[in-house]
Protein backbone atom coordinates (compact mmCIF):
# COMPACT_ATOMS: atom_id res chain seq x y z
CA UNK A 1 18.39 -28.46 109.65
CA UNK A 2 20.92 -26.66 107.45
CA UNK A 3 21.44 -29.75 105.33
CA UNK A 4 17.74 -29.83 104.49
CA UNK A 5 17.76 -26.18 103.51
CA UNK A 6 20.80 -26.62 101.29
CA UNK A 7 19.38 -29.78 99.70
CA UNK A 8 16.23 -27.89 98.73
CA UNK A 9 18.21 -25.33 96.70
CA UNK A 10 18.64 -26.39 93.10
CA UNK A 11 22.17 -26.13 91.77
CA UNK A 12 23.77 -25.64 95.17
CA UNK A 13 26.42 -28.23 94.34
CA UNK A 14 28.05 -25.86 91.82
CA UNK A 15 29.02 -23.25 94.46
CA UNK A 16 32.01 -25.17 95.87
CA UNK A 17 33.31 -25.70 92.33
CA UNK A 18 32.96 -22.00 91.52
CA UNK A 19 34.70 -21.08 94.78
CA UNK A 20 37.58 -23.44 94.00
CA UNK A 21 37.96 -22.04 90.48
CA UNK A 22 38.04 -18.46 91.81
CA UNK A 23 40.61 -19.39 94.47
CA UNK A 24 42.80 -21.36 92.06
CA UNK A 25 42.74 -18.56 89.47
CA UNK A 26 43.66 -15.95 92.09
CA UNK A 27 46.46 -18.14 93.49
CA UNK A 28 47.84 -18.97 90.06
CA UNK A 29 47.78 -15.32 88.96
CA UNK A 30 49.69 -14.10 92.02
CA UNK A 31 52.15 -16.98 91.78
CA UNK A 32 52.95 -16.16 88.16
CA UNK A 33 53.27 -12.48 89.06
CA UNK A 34 55.71 -13.30 91.86
CA UNK A 35 57.85 -15.56 89.68
CA UNK A 36 58.04 -12.98 86.87
CA UNK A 37 59.08 -10.08 89.09
CA UNK A 38 62.53 -8.63 88.54
CA UNK A 39 65.18 -9.50 91.09
CA UNK A 40 65.77 -5.80 91.82
CA UNK A 41 62.11 -5.28 92.65
CA UNK A 42 62.08 -8.27 94.98
CA UNK A 43 65.18 -6.99 96.77
CA UNK A 44 63.69 -3.52 97.13
CA UNK A 45 60.38 -4.82 98.45
CA UNK A 46 62.05 -7.25 100.86
CA UNK A 47 64.09 -4.46 102.45
CA UNK A 48 61.14 -2.10 102.98
CA UNK A 49 60.26 -3.24 106.50
CA UNK A 50 63.89 -2.90 107.53
CA UNK A 51 64.16 0.56 105.96
CA UNK A 52 61.09 1.74 107.84
CA UNK A 53 62.47 0.39 111.11
CA UNK A 54 65.77 2.21 110.60
CA UNK A 55 63.96 5.46 109.77
CA UNK A 56 61.88 5.13 112.92
CA UNK A 57 64.98 4.59 115.05
CA UNK A 58 66.73 7.58 113.47
CA UNK A 59 63.71 9.84 113.96
CA UNK A 60 63.25 8.84 117.58
CA UNK A 61 66.92 9.47 118.43
CA UNK A 62 66.86 12.86 116.72
CA UNK A 63 63.81 13.98 118.70
CA UNK A 64 65.56 13.61 122.03
CA UNK A 65 68.76 15.49 121.11
């Protein structure tokens, strides 16, 4: 049933190509952005979850004192 509906639409075969181009452009852009980031920025970003965890532990121990 769905195949018949899609076959009746003219130009439907271009949608997968457009979707692939959008995905590839997005992926390539973020990959280039990640490779061009400064090492200091990467180190700072990678330690953020750990910093938040330490702050949470410090705050929770201070509340019960």
